[in-house]
Amino acid sequence: MNAIMTNFDIESTEARQTRNWEGLSEIDHAIRDDRLMEYRIKKSWADPWGRKLTIIGVTVILAVFLFLAGASFGLW
């Protein structure tokens, strides 16, 4: 019976136990502390493209709001 069984099952179980997910430990800690949104914002702000898109998005939303506020007061 042992001749048919491969070491694949045994080795994969041992590899899963010894594997350390260092890259995901920060996300795991954020989930435990219930601050996942803060983690996402910090990671997005650290990314140059994410920062540019955030600034452009906020600027467009603010410009539309200011335009509508000015139009409602009869400024243009």
N, C-alpha and C. Protein backbone atom coordinates (compact mmCIF):
# COMPACT_ATOMS: atom_id res chain seq x y z
N MET A 1 0.82 -1.18 0.00
CA MET A 1 0.00 0.00 0.00
C MET A 1 0.87 1.26 0.00
N ASN A 2 1.97 1.20 0.68
CA ASN A 2 2.86 2.35 0.76
C ASN A 2 3.58 2.58 -0.56
N ALA A 3 3.71 1.56 -1.37
CA ALA A 3 4.39 1.69 -2.65
C ALA A 3 3.59 2.54 -3.62
N ILE A 4 2.28 2.54 -3.50
CA ILE A 4 1.43 3.33 -4.39
C ILE A 4 1.38 4.78 -3.94
N MET A 5 1.44 4.99 -2.66
CA MET A 5 1.34 6.35 -2.12
C MET A 5 2.63 7.12 -2.38
N THR A 6 2.49 8.34 -2.84
CA THR A 6 3.68 9.17 -3.10
C THR A 6 3.98 10.04 -1.89
N ASN A 7 5.14 10.66 -1.91
CA ASN A 7 5.52 11.57 -0.83
C ASN A 7 4.92 12.96 -1.01
N PHE A 8 4.17 13.13 -2.09
CA PHE A 8 3.60 14.45 -2.37
C PHE A 8 2.69 14.93 -1.24
N ASP A 9 1.83 14.05 -0.76
CA ASP A 9 0.91 14.44 0.31
C ASP A 9 1.65 14.75 1.60
N ILE A 10 2.64 13.97 1.91
CA ILE A 10 3.40 14.17 3.15
C ILE A 10 4.21 15.45 3.07
N GLU A 11 4.90 15.65 1.94
CA GLU A 11 5.74 16.85 1.79
C GLU A 11 4.91 18.12 1.73
N SER A 12 3.76 18.09 1.09
CA SER A 12 2.95 19.30 1.01
C SER A 12 2.40 19.68 2.38
N THR A 13 2.08 18.70 3.21
CA THR A 13 1.61 19.00 4.57
C THR A 13 2.72 19.63 5.38
N GLU A 14 3.93 19.09 5.27
CA GLU A 14 5.06 19.65 6.01
C GLU A 14 5.40 21.04 5.51
N ALA A 15 5.32 21.26 4.21
CA ALA A 15 5.64 22.57 3.65
C ALA A 15 4.64 23.62 4.09
N ARG A 16 3.37 23.24 4.21
CA ARG A 16 2.36 24.20 4.65
C ARG A 16 2.57 24.59 6.10
N GLN A 17 3.04 23.68 6.90
CA GLN A 17 3.26 23.98 8.31
C GLN A 17 4.46 24.89 8.52
N THR A 18 5.51 24.72 7.71
CA THR A 18 6.72 25.50 7.91
C THR A 18 6.71 26.82 7.15
N ARG A 19 5.74 27.02 6.27
CA ARG A 19 5.71 28.23 5.46
C ARG A 19 5.34 29.43 6.33
N ASN A 20 6.08 30.50 6.22
CA ASN A 20 5.81 31.71 6.99
C ASN A 20 5.40 32.80 6.01
N TRP A 21 4.18 33.29 6.13
CA TRP A 21 3.64 34.28 5.20
C TRP A 21 4.00 35.68 5.71
N GLU A 22 5.26 36.06 5.58
CA GLU A 22 5.69 37.36 6.08
C GLU A 22 5.06 38.51 5.32
N GLY A 23 4.82 38.35 4.04
CA GLY A 23 4.23 39.41 3.24
C GLY A 23 2.79 39.70 3.62
N LEU A 24 2.10 38.72 4.14
CA LEU A 24 0.70 38.90 4.50
C LEU A 24 0.50 39.15 6.00
N SER A 25 1.58 39.15 6.76
CA SER A 25 1.43 39.33 8.20
C SER A 25 0.91 40.73 8.55
N GLU A 26 1.28 41.74 7.77
CA GLU A 26 0.78 43.09 8.03
C GLU A 26 -0.72 43.19 7.78
N ILE A 27 -1.18 42.55 6.72
CA ILE A 27 -2.62 42.53 6.43
C ILE A 27 -3.36 41.77 7.52
N ASP A 28 -2.80 40.65 7.95
CA ASP A 28 -3.43 39.87 9.00
C ASP A 28 -3.53 40.67 10.29
N HIS A 29 -2.48 41.40 10.61
CA HIS A 29 -2.49 42.24 11.81
C HIS A 29 -3.53 43.37 11.68
N ALA A 30 -3.65 43.93 10.48
CA ALA A 30 -4.64 44.99 10.25
C ALA A 30 -6.06 44.46 10.39
N ILE A 31 -6.29 43.25 9.91
CA ILE A 31 -7.62 42.67 10.04
C ILE A 31 -7.93 42.40 11.51
N ARG A 32 -6.95 41.91 12.26
CA ARG A 32 -7.17 41.65 13.68
C ARG A 32 -7.48 42.92 14.44
N ASP A 33 -6.81 44.01 14.10
CA ASP A 33 -7.04 45.28 14.78
C ASP A 33 -8.21 46.05 14.19
N ASP A 34 -8.88 45.49 13.19
CA ASP A 34 -10.04 46.10 12.55
C ASP A 34 -9.68 47.47 11.97
N ARG A 35 -8.57 47.52 11.27
CA ARG A 35 -8.14 48.76 10.62
C ARG A 35 -7.71 48.49 9.19
N LEU A 36 -8.48 47.66 8.50
CA LEU A 36 -8.14 47.29 7.14
C LEU A 36 -8.26 48.48 6.19
N MET A 37 -9.25 49.35 6.40
CA MET A 37 -9.42 50.51 5.54
C MET A 37 -8.22 51.45 5.67
N GLU A 38 -7.73 51.63 6.88
CA GLU A 38 -6.55 52.47 7.09
C GLU A 38 -5.34 51.88 6.36
N TYR A 39 -5.20 50.56 6.39
CA TYR A 39 -4.11 49.89 5.68
C TYR A 39 -4.20 50.14 4.19
N ARG A 40 -5.40 50.02 3.63
CA ARG A 40 -5.58 50.22 2.18
C ARG A 40 -5.27 51.65 1.79
N ILE A 41 -5.68 52.61 2.60
CA ILE A 41 -5.42 54.02 2.28
C ILE A 41 -3.92 54.30 2.34
N LYS A 42 -3.24 53.78 3.34
CA LYS A 42 -1.80 53.99 3.44
C LYS A 42 -1.05 53.36 2.27
N LYS A 43 -1.44 52.15 1.88
CA LYS A 43 -0.78 51.49 0.75
C LYS A 43 -1.06 52.23 -0.56
N SER A 44 -2.28 52.74 -0.72
CA SER A 44 -2.61 53.48 -1.93
C SER A 44 -1.85 54.80 -1.98
N TRP A 45 -1.72 55.46 -0.85
CA TRP A 45 -1.01 56.74 -0.81
C TRP A 45 0.48 56.55 -1.04
N ALA A 46 1.02 55.40 -0.67
CA ALA A 46 2.44 55.12 -0.88
C ALA A 46 2.74 54.86 -2.35
N ASP A 47 1.75 54.41 -3.10
CA ASP A 47 1.92 54.14 -4.53
C ASP A 47 1.82 55.45 -5.30
N PRO A 48 2.80 55.80 -6.15
CA PRO A 48 2.74 57.07 -6.88
C PRO A 48 1.50 57.22 -7.75
N TRP A 49 1.11 56.16 -8.45
CA TRP A 49 -0.08 56.25 -9.30
C TRP A 49 -1.34 56.38 -8.45
N GLY A 50 -1.39 55.67 -7.34
CA GLY A 50 -2.54 55.77 -6.46
C GLY A 50 -2.69 57.16 -5.89
N ARG A 51 -1.56 57.77 -5.54
CA ARG A 51 -1.58 59.13 -5.00
C ARG A 51 -2.07 60.13 -6.04
N LYS A 52 -1.57 59.99 -7.29
CA LYS A 52 -2.00 60.90 -8.36
C LYS A 52 -3.49 60.75 -8.65
N LEU A 53 -3.97 59.52 -8.72
CA LEU A 53 -5.39 59.30 -8.99
C LEU A 53 -6.27 59.82 -7.86
N THR A 54 -5.80 59.68 -6.63
CA THR A 54 -6.56 60.19 -5.49
C THR A 54 -6.65 61.71 -5.54
N ILE A 55 -5.55 62.37 -5.82
CA ILE A 55 -5.54 63.83 -5.90
C ILE A 55 -6.43 64.32 -7.05
N ILE A 56 -6.32 63.66 -8.20
CA ILE A 56 -7.16 64.05 -9.35
C ILE A 56 -8.63 63.82 -9.05
N GLY A 57 -8.97 62.69 -8.43
CA GLY A 57 -10.36 62.39 -8.09
C GLY A 57 -10.95 63.39 -7.12
N VAL A 58 -10.20 63.72 -6.08
CA VAL A 58 -10.69 64.69 -5.09
C VAL A 58 -10.82 66.07 -5.72
N THR A 59 -9.88 66.43 -6.60
CA THR A 59 -9.94 67.73 -7.28
C THR A 59 -11.17 67.83 -8.18
N VAL A 60 -11.46 66.78 -8.92
CA VAL A 60 -12.63 66.78 -9.81
C VAL A 60 -13.92 66.88 -8.99
N ILE A 61 -14.02 66.10 -7.93
CA ILE A 61 -15.22 66.15 -7.08
C ILE A 61 -15.38 67.53 -6.47
N LEU A 62 -14.29 68.13 -5.99
CA LEU A 62 -14.35 69.47 -5.39
C LEU A 62 -14.72 70.52 -6.43
N ALA A 63 -14.18 70.40 -7.65
CA ALA A 63 -14.50 71.36 -8.71
C ALA A 63 -15.98 71.29 -9.08
N VAL A 64 -16.52 70.09 -9.19
CA VAL A 64 -17.95 69.95 -9.51
C VAL A 64 -18.80 70.52 -8.39
N PHE A 65 -18.44 70.24 -7.16
CA PHE A 65 -19.19 70.78 -6.02
C PHE A 65 -19.15 72.31 -6.00
N LEU A 66 -17.97 72.89 -6.21
CA LEU A 66 -17.85 74.35 -6.22
C LEU A 66 -18.61 74.97 -7.38
N PHE A 67 -18.60 74.31 -8.54
CA PHE A 67 -19.36 74.82 -9.69
C PHE A 67 -20.85 74.83 -9.38
N LEU A 68 -21.36 73.73 -8.83
CA LEU A 68 -22.77 73.65 -8.51
C LEU A 68 -23.17 74.63 -7.41
N ALA A 69 -22.28 74.82 -6.42
CA ALA A 69 -22.56 75.78 -5.35
C ALA A 69 -22.58 77.20 -5.91
N GLY A 70 -21.63 77.51 -6.79
CA GLY A 70 -21.60 78.85 -7.42
C GLY A 70 -22.81 79.08 -8.29
N ALA A 71 -23.24 78.06 -9.02
CA ALA A 71 -24.41 78.20 -9.89
C ALA A 71 -25.67 78.38 -9.07
N SER A 72 -25.75 77.74 -7.92
CA SER A 72 -26.96 77.89 -7.10
C SER A 72 -27.04 79.28 -6.47
N PHE A 73 -25.90 79.93 -6.24
CA PHE A 73 -25.88 81.29 -5.69
C PHE A 73 -25.93 82.35 -6.79
N GLY A 74 -25.97 81.93 -8.05
CA GLY A 74 -26.10 82.86 -9.17
C GLY A 74 -24.80 83.57 -9.52
N LEU A 75 -23.67 82.94 -9.22
CA LEU A 75 -22.40 83.57 -9.54
C LEU A 75 -22.08 83.47 -11.03
N TRP A 76 -22.59 82.49 -11.72
CA TRP A 76 -22.40 82.35 -13.17
C TRP A 76 -23.58 81.69 -13.80
